[in-house]
Amino acid sequence: MAAGYDNTTWFYESLSKVVFGQAQVKAQEYFLNQIKPQSNLLIIGGGTGQILESINRLHHSGLNIAYVEISPKMMALSRKRNIGQNKVEFITDDIARITFTHKFDVVITAFLFDNFSNDALASIFPQIDKWVKQGGIWLNTDFQLTGPLWQKLMLKSMYLFFKLMKAVKVTKLPNTRKVFEQYGYHQTNEKLYYGSFIAARVYTRSSRNLNC
């Protein structure tokens, strides 16, 4: 997975706004209304923690959130966010090393899987999947390639930049949609941003595909 975003902490949000405007933020926020009161949430790769404040605007209390971020500096920023009266467990670690004894109603992964190779995604996905309740939802937001050359050039530039910053090790997107389908998730909604380069999707956990 990601090498770590400590070196980018001080400019990460500013760079996002310069390049994408509010597209990344809006994409992450769009389906947060799917979260029901009193839910248990798992947020993986929370970055600077802006999503915690977005959630707080919809649910000021009653949520139990496990917030996982591998970068200590990103986590330091996340801890300063206004979480209202929601309960948040901040976990600074690689998701591959974490174990939970309970399941979650909602899993949120935003701009996380673009840090993974196909092999790494295939390895970590079943671990996350086992923490999702039957009938639970998974909100996934990430980049995608839909054909235009500008998307390919932008993605290549992004990977090159963050590789130089020692934040990523990969150079191309994994086939995320295929893995969701493989594990029995059904896409129930979608919202596209930035010329379809950014996709926010809602997946529902039904029965697991026995061929996984």
C-alpha atoms as a PDB file:
ATOM      1  CA  MET A   1       0.000   0.000   0.000  1.00  0.00           C
ATOM      2  CA  ALA A   2       1.060   3.616   0.323  1.00  0.00           C
ATOM      3  CA  ALA A   3       4.592   4.380   1.377  1.00  0.00           C
ATOM      4  CA  GLY A   4       3.227   7.132   3.620  1.00  0.00           C
ATOM      5  CA  TYR A   5       2.067  10.725   3.213  1.00  0.00           C
ATOM      6  CA  ASP A   6       4.027  12.370   6.033  1.00  0.00           C
ATOM      7  CA  ASN A   7       6.070  14.398   3.529  1.00  0.00           C
ATOM      8  CA  THR A   8       2.932  15.840   1.940  1.00  0.00           C
ATOM      9  CA  THR A   9       0.959  16.759   5.041  1.00  0.00           C
ATOM     10  CA  TRP A  10       1.681  20.499   4.961  1.00  0.00           C
ATOM     11  CA  PHE A  11       0.423  21.028   1.400  1.00  0.00           C
ATOM     12  CA  TYR A  12      -1.900  18.081   0.696  1.00  0.00           C
ATOM     13  CA  GLU A  13      -5.242  19.904   1.041  1.00  0.00           C
ATOM     14  CA  SER A  14      -4.003  23.049  -0.702  1.00  0.00           C
ATOM     15  CA  LEU A  15      -2.702  21.046  -3.643  1.00  0.00           C
ATOM     16  CA  SER A  16      -6.004  19.196  -3.922  1.00  0.00           C
ATOM     17  CA  LYS A  17      -7.931  22.465  -4.100  1.00  0.00           C
ATOM     18  CA  VAL A  18      -5.551  23.947  -6.697  1.00  0.00           C
ATOM     19  CA  VAL A  19      -5.800  20.910  -8.968  1.00  0.00           C
ATOM     20  CA  PHE A  20      -9.356  19.675  -8.379  1.00  0.00           C
ATOM     21  CA  GLY A  21     -11.155  22.594  -6.763  1.00  0.00           C
ATOM     22  CA  GLN A  22     -13.778  21.116  -4.416  1.00  0.00           C
ATOM     23  CA  ALA A  23     -14.259  17.956  -6.487  1.00  0.00           C
ATOM     24  CA  GLN A  24     -12.424  15.601  -4.122  1.00  0.00           C
ATOM     25  CA  VAL A  25     -14.187  16.972  -1.051  1.00  0.00           C
ATOM     26  CA  LYS A  26     -17.630  16.935  -2.663  1.00  0.00           C
ATOM     27  CA  ALA A  27     -17.118  13.392  -3.914  1.00  0.00           C
ATOM     28  CA  GLN A  28     -16.246  12.172  -0.411  1.00  0.00           C
ATOM     29  CA  GLU A  29     -19.217  13.982   1.099  1.00  0.00           C
ATOM     30  CA  TYR A  30     -21.899  13.174  -1.443  1.00  0.00           C
ATOM     31  CA  PHE A  31     -23.109   9.859  -0.019  1.00  0.00           C
ATOM     32  CA  LEU A  32     -22.524  10.540   3.665  1.00  0.00           C
ATOM     33  CA  ASN A  33     -26.302  10.974   3.946  1.00  0.00           C
ATOM     34  CA  GLN A  34     -26.460   7.178   3.632  1.00  0.00           C
ATOM     35  CA  ILE A  35     -25.105   6.901   7.184  1.00  0.00           C
ATOM     36  CA  LYS A  36     -27.877   6.112   9.663  1.00  0.00           C
ATOM     37  CA  PRO A  37     -27.969   7.362  13.267  1.00  0.00           C
ATOM     38  CA  GLN A  38     -26.157   5.219  15.851  1.00  0.00           C
ATOM     39  CA  SER A  39     -24.044   3.532  13.175  1.00  0.00           C
ATOM     40  CA  ASN A  40     -20.616   1.976  13.629  1.00  0.00           C
ATOM     41  CA  LEU A  41     -18.212   3.407  11.043  1.00  0.00           C
ATOM     42  CA  LEU A  42     -14.819   2.311   9.824  1.00  0.00           C
ATOM     43  CA  ILE A  43     -12.824   4.996   8.003  1.00  0.00           C
ATOM     44  CA  ILE A  44      -9.616   3.764   6.398  1.00  0.00           C
ATOM     45  CA  GLY A  45      -7.043   6.213   5.082  1.00  0.00           C
ATOM     46  CA  GLY A  46      -8.702   9.283   6.519  1.00  0.00           C
ATOM     47  CA  GLY A  47      -5.919  11.653   5.506  1.00  0.00           C
ATOM     48  CA  THR A  48      -6.190  15.076   7.117  1.00  0.00           C
ATOM     49  CA  GLY A  49      -9.505  14.180   8.735  1.00  0.00           C
ATOM     50  CA  GLN A  50     -11.743  16.601   6.887  1.00  0.00           C
ATOM     51  CA  ILE A  51     -14.283  13.823   6.464  1.00  0.00           C
ATOM     52  CA  LEU A  52     -14.804  13.756  10.248  1.00  0.00           C
ATOM     53  CA  GLU A  53     -16.092  17.311  10.168  1.00  0.00           C
ATOM     54  CA  SER A  54     -18.283  16.511   7.169  1.00  0.00           C
ATOM     55  CA  ILE A  55     -19.811  13.615   9.097  1.00  0.00           C
ATOM     56  CA  ASN A  56     -20.243  15.802  12.186  1.00  0.00           C
ATOM     57  CA  ARG A  57     -22.374  18.235  10.190  1.00  0.00           C
ATOM     58  CA  LEU A  58     -24.838  15.406   9.495  1.00  0.00           C
ATOM     59  CA  HIS A  59     -24.542  13.491  12.774  1.00  0.00           C
ATOM     60  CA  HIS A  60     -23.393  15.572  15.727  1.00  0.00           C
ATOM     61  CA  SER A  61     -23.586  12.596  18.081  1.00  0.00           C
ATOM     62  CA  GLY A  62     -24.382   8.904  18.293  1.00  0.00           C
ATOM     63  CA  LEU A  63     -21.789   7.492  15.911  1.00  0.00           C
ATOM     64  CA  ASN A  64     -18.973   5.134  16.863  1.00  0.00           C
ATOM     65  CA  ILE A  65     -16.059   5.618  14.477  1.00  0.00           C
ATOM     66  CA  ALA A  66     -12.855   3.652  14.051  1.00  0.00           C
ATOM     67  CA  TYR A  67     -10.527   6.005  12.189  1.00  0.00           C
ATOM     68  CA  VAL A  68      -7.442   4.412  10.627  1.00  0.00           C
ATOM     69  CA  GLU A  69      -4.580   6.436   9.118  1.00  0.00           C
ATOM     70  CA  ILE A  70      -1.050   5.182   8.610  1.00  0.00           C
ATOM     71  CA  SER A  71       0.632   8.622   8.542  1.00  0.00           C
ATOM     72  CA  PRO A  72       1.359  10.030  12.031  1.00  0.00           C
ATOM     73  CA  LYS A  73       1.414  13.591  10.709  1.00  0.00           C
ATOM     74  CA  MET A  74      -1.913  13.169   8.926  1.00  0.00           C
ATOM     75  CA  MET A  75      -3.320  11.653  12.105  1.00  0.00           C
ATOM     76  CA  ALA A  76      -2.121  14.634  14.119  1.00  0.00           C
ATOM     77  CA  LEU A  77      -4.207  16.887  11.875  1.00  0.00           C
ATOM     78  CA  SER A  78      -7.177  14.530  12.089  1.00  0.00           C
ATOM     79  CA  ARG A  79      -7.185  14.648  15.881  1.00  0.00           C
ATOM     80  CA  LYS A  80      -7.742  18.414  15.738  1.00  0.00           C
ATOM     81  CA  ARG A  81     -10.979  18.082  13.773  1.00  0.00           C
ATOM     82  CA  ASN A  82     -14.371  18.868  15.250  1.00  0.00           C
ATOM     83  CA  ILE A  83     -16.001  15.482  15.777  1.00  0.00           C
ATOM     84  CA  GLY A  84     -18.942  16.775  17.820  1.00  0.00           C
ATOM     85  CA  GLN A  85     -20.086  14.231  20.385  1.00  0.00           C
ATOM     86  CA  ASN A  86     -19.350  11.233  18.204  1.00  0.00           C
ATOM     87  CA  LYS A  87     -16.956   8.653  19.605  1.00  0.00           C
ATOM     88  CA  VAL A  88     -13.791   8.270  17.529  1.00  0.00           C
ATOM     89  CA  GLU A  89     -11.032   5.734  18.061  1.00  0.00           C
ATOM     90  CA  PHE A  90      -7.925   7.049  16.301  1.00  0.00           C
ATOM     91  CA  ILE A  91      -5.672   4.233  15.077  1.00  0.00           C
ATOM     92  CA  THR A  92      -2.296   5.121  13.562  1.00  0.00           C
ATOM     93  CA  ASP A  93      -1.303   1.940  11.785  1.00  0.00           C
ATOM     94  CA  ASP A  94      -1.378  -0.022   8.564  1.00  0.00           C
ATOM     95  CA  ILE A  95      -4.819  -1.567   8.070  1.00  0.00           C
ATOM     96  CA  ALA A  96      -3.108  -4.885   7.307  1.00  0.00           C
ATOM     97  CA  ARG A  97      -1.917  -5.078  10.928  1.00  0.00           C
ATOM     98  CA  ILE A  98      -5.239  -4.230  12.583  1.00  0.00           C
ATOM     99  CA  THR A  99      -7.845  -6.574  14.006  1.00  0.00           C
ATOM    100  CA  PHE A 100     -11.394  -5.713  15.066  1.00  0.00           C
ATOM    101  CA  THR A 101     -13.667  -7.936  17.122  1.00  0.00           C
ATOM    102  CA  HIS A 102     -16.882  -6.337  15.843  1.00  0.00           C
ATOM    103  CA  LYS A 103     -18.421  -5.516  12.479  1.00  0.00           C
ATOM    104  CA  PHE A 104     -19.316  -2.152  10.974  1.00  0.00           C
ATOM    105  CA  ASP A 105     -22.475  -0.724   9.420  1.00  0.00           C
ATOM    106  CA  VAL A 106     -20.469   1.554   7.137  1.00  0.00           C
ATOM    107  CA  VAL A 107     -16.955   1.404   5.698  1.00  0.00           C
ATOM    108  CA  ILE A 108     -15.483   4.526   4.082  1.00  0.00           C
ATOM    109  CA  THR A 109     -12.443   4.424   1.802  1.00  0.00           C
ATOM    110  CA  ALA A 110     -11.681   7.654  -0.018  1.00  0.00           C
ATOM    111  CA  PHE A 111      -8.691   7.889  -2.367  1.00  0.00           C
ATOM    112  CA  LEU A 112      -7.199   4.860  -0.656  1.00  0.00           C
ATOM    113  CA  PHE A 113      -7.095   2.050  -3.173  1.00  0.00           C
ATOM    114  CA  ASP A 114      -5.221   4.118  -5.770  1.00  0.00           C
ATOM    115  CA  ASN A 115      -2.236   3.463  -3.491  1.00  0.00           C
ATOM    116  CA  PHE A 116      -2.498  -0.303  -4.007  1.00  0.00           C
ATOM    117  CA  SER A 117      -1.351  -2.688  -6.698  1.00  0.00           C
ATOM    118  CA  ASN A 118      -3.844  -5.314  -7.855  1.00  0.00           C
ATOM    119  CA  ASP A 119      -2.036  -7.921  -5.770  1.00  0.00           C
ATOM    120  CA  ALA A 120      -2.016  -5.746  -2.653  1.00  0.00           C
ATOM    121  CA  LEU A 121      -5.707  -4.935  -3.072  1.00  0.00           C
ATOM    122  CA  ALA A 122      -6.546  -8.623  -3.492  1.00  0.00           C
ATOM    123  CA  SER A 123      -4.692  -9.289  -0.238  1.00  0.00           C
ATOM    124  CA  ILE A 124      -6.217  -6.547   1.921  1.00  0.00           C
ATOM    125  CA  PHE A 125      -9.792  -6.508   0.579  1.00  0.00           C
ATOM    126  CA  PRO A 126     -10.951  -9.767   2.226  1.00  0.00           C
ATOM    127  CA  GLN A 127      -9.644  -8.533   5.568  1.00  0.00           C
ATOM    128  CA  ILE A 128     -11.784  -5.398   5.359  1.00  0.00           C
ATOM    129  CA  ASP A 129     -14.711  -7.341   3.930  1.00  0.00           C
ATOM    130  CA  LYS A 130     -14.969  -9.557   7.017  1.00  0.00           C
ATOM    131  CA  TRP A 131     -15.600  -6.458   9.161  1.00  0.00           C
ATOM    132  CA  VAL A 132     -18.653  -5.354   7.137  1.00  0.00           C
ATOM    133  CA  LYS A 133     -22.054  -6.336   8.503  1.00  0.00           C
ATOM    134  CA  GLN A 134     -24.459  -8.235   6.292  1.00  0.00           C
ATOM    135  CA  GLY A 135     -26.484  -5.510   4.597  1.00  0.00           C
ATOM    136  CA  GLY A 136     -23.821  -2.912   5.465  1.00  0.00           C
ATOM    137  CA  ILE A 137     -22.643  -0.281   3.011  1.00  0.00           C
ATOM    138  CA  TRP A 138     -19.215   0.632   1.691  1.00  0.00           C
ATOM    139  CA  LEU A 139     -18.633   4.187   0.452  1.00  0.00           C
ATOM    140  CA  ASN A 140     -15.681   4.198  -1.914  1.00  0.00           C
ATOM    141  CA  THR A 141     -14.327   7.265  -3.684  1.00  0.00           C
ATOM    142  CA  ASP A 142     -11.400   7.206  -6.056  1.00  0.00           C
ATOM    143  CA  PHE A 143      -9.970   8.117  -9.425  1.00  0.00           C
ATOM    144  CA  GLN A 144     -10.870   6.194 -12.546  1.00  0.00           C
ATOM    145  CA  LEU A 145      -9.916   6.186 -16.209  1.00  0.00           C
ATOM    146  CA  THR A 146     -12.835   6.453 -18.608  1.00  0.00           C
ATOM    147  CA  GLY A 147     -10.917   6.953 -21.845  1.00  0.00           C
ATOM    148  CA  PRO A 148      -9.816  10.577 -22.362  1.00  0.00           C
ATOM    149  CA  LEU A 149      -6.085  11.117 -22.827  1.00  0.00           C
ATOM    150  CA  TRP A 150      -6.012  13.977 -20.324  1.00  0.00           C
ATOM    151  CA  GLN A 151      -7.064  11.581 -17.553  1.00  0.00           C
ATOM    152  CA  LYS A 152      -4.192   9.227 -18.351  1.00  0.00           C
ATOM    153  CA  LEU A 153      -1.685  12.084 -18.458  1.00  0.00           C
ATOM    154  CA  MET A 154      -2.968  13.585 -15.207  1.00  0.00           C
ATOM    155  CA  LEU A 155      -2.908  10.252 -13.419  1.00  0.00           C
ATOM    156  CA  LYS A 156       0.621   9.540 -14.633  1.00  0.00           C
ATOM    157  CA  SER A 157       1.748  12.972 -13.406  1.00  0.00           C
ATOM    158  CA  MET A 158       0.106  12.426 -10.032  1.00  0.00           C
ATOM    159  CA  TYR A 159       1.778   9.083  -9.515  1.00  0.00           C
ATOM    160  CA  LEU A 160       5.144  10.485 -10.553  1.00  0.00           C
ATOM    161  CA  PHE A 161       4.836  13.436  -8.177  1.00  0.00           C
ATOM    162  CA  PHE A 162       3.765  11.394  -5.159  1.00  0.00           C
ATOM    163  CA  LYS A 163       6.374   8.755  -5.915  1.00  0.00           C
ATOM    164  CA  LEU A 164       9.047  11.475  -5.778  1.00  0.00           C
ATOM    165  CA  MET A 165       7.555  12.533  -2.445  1.00  0.00           C
ATOM    166  CA  LYS A 166       7.895   8.899  -1.282  1.00  0.00           C
ATOM    167  CA  ALA A 167       4.158   8.714  -0.719  1.00  0.00           C
ATOM    168  CA  VAL A 168       3.318   5.930  -3.185  1.00  0.00           C
ATOM    169  CA  LYS A 169       5.031   2.926  -4.705  1.00  0.00           C
ATOM    170  CA  VAL A 170       2.557   2.053  -7.474  1.00  0.00           C
ATOM    171  CA  THR A 171       2.185   3.582 -10.938  1.00  0.00           C
ATOM    172  CA  LYS A 172      -1.329   2.593 -12.010  1.00  0.00           C
ATOM    173  CA  LEU A 173      -4.821   2.109 -10.642  1.00  0.00           C
ATOM    174  CA  PRO A 174      -5.961  -1.332  -9.494  1.00  0.00           C
ATOM    175  CA  ASN A 175      -9.202  -2.851 -10.784  1.00  0.00           C
ATOM    176  CA  THR A 176     -11.246  -1.903  -7.723  1.00  0.00           C
ATOM    177  CA  ARG A 177     -14.704  -2.456  -9.191  1.00  0.00           C
ATOM    178  CA  LYS A 178     -13.831  -6.015 -10.133  1.00  0.00           C
ATOM    179  CA  VAL A 179     -12.811  -6.833  -6.560  1.00  0.00           C
ATOM    180  CA  PHE A 180     -16.037  -5.379  -5.121  1.00  0.00           C
ATOM    181  CA  GLU A 181     -18.054  -7.519  -7.518  1.00  0.00           C
ATOM    182  CA  GLN A 182     -15.944 -10.574  -6.713  1.00  0.00           C
ATOM    183  CA  TYR A 183     -16.824 -10.287  -3.035  1.00  0.00           C
ATOM    184  CA  GLY A 184     -20.552 -10.000  -3.573  1.00  0.00           C
ATOM    185  CA  TYR A 185     -20.979  -6.225  -3.334  1.00  0.00           C
ATOM    186  CA  HIS A 186     -23.632  -4.524  -5.434  1.00  0.00           C
ATOM    187  CA  GLN A 187     -23.164  -0.944  -6.576  1.00  0.00           C
ATOM    188  CA  THR A 188     -26.342   0.891  -5.633  1.00  0.00           C
ATOM    189  CA  ASN A 189     -25.412   4.478  -6.468  1.00  0.00           C
ATOM    190  CA  GLU A 190     -22.758   6.555  -8.171  1.00  0.00           C
ATOM    191  CA  LYS A 191     -21.797  10.204  -8.547  1.00  0.00           C
ATOM    192  CA  LEU A 192     -19.075  11.373 -10.933  1.00  0.00           C
ATOM    193  CA  TYR A 193     -16.911  14.485 -10.676  1.00  0.00           C
ATOM    194  CA  TYR A 194     -14.177  16.267 -12.577  1.00  0.00           C
ATOM    195  CA  GLY A 195     -15.045  14.987 -16.033  1.00  0.00           C
ATOM    196  CA  SER A 196     -15.743  11.477 -14.632  1.00  0.00           C
ATOM    197  CA  PHE A 197     -12.144  11.252 -13.392  1.00  0.00           C
ATOM    198  CA  ILE A 198     -13.414  10.974  -9.800  1.00  0.00           C
ATOM    199  CA  ALA A 199     -16.136   8.490  -8.873  1.00  0.00           C
ATOM    200  CA  ALA A 200     -18.045   8.220  -5.597  1.00  0.00           C
ATOM    201  CA  ARG A 201     -19.867   4.902  -5.259  1.00  0.00           C
ATOM    202  CA  VAL A 202     -22.117   3.148  -2.765  1.00  0.00           C
ATOM    203  CA  TYR A 203     -21.726  -0.608  -2.445  1.00  0.00           C
ATOM    204  CA  THR A 204     -24.067  -2.840  -0.484  1.00  0.00           C
ATOM    205  CA  ARG A 205     -22.819  -5.963   1.242  1.00  0.00           C
ATOM    206  CA  SER A 206     -24.987  -8.952   0.418  1.00  0.00           C
ATOM    207  CA  SER A 207     -23.978 -12.606   0.326  1.00  0.00           C
ATOM    208  CA  ARG A 208     -20.299 -13.352  -0.211  1.00  0.00           C
ATOM    209  CA  ASN A 209     -19.247 -14.947  -3.467  1.00  0.00           C
ATOM    210  CA  LEU A 210     -18.077 -18.434  -2.535  1.00  0.00           C
ATOM    211  CA  ASN A 211     -15.473 -18.313  -5.307  1.00  0.00           C
ATOM    212  CA  CYS A 212     -13.506 -15.567  -3.541  1.00  0.00           C
END
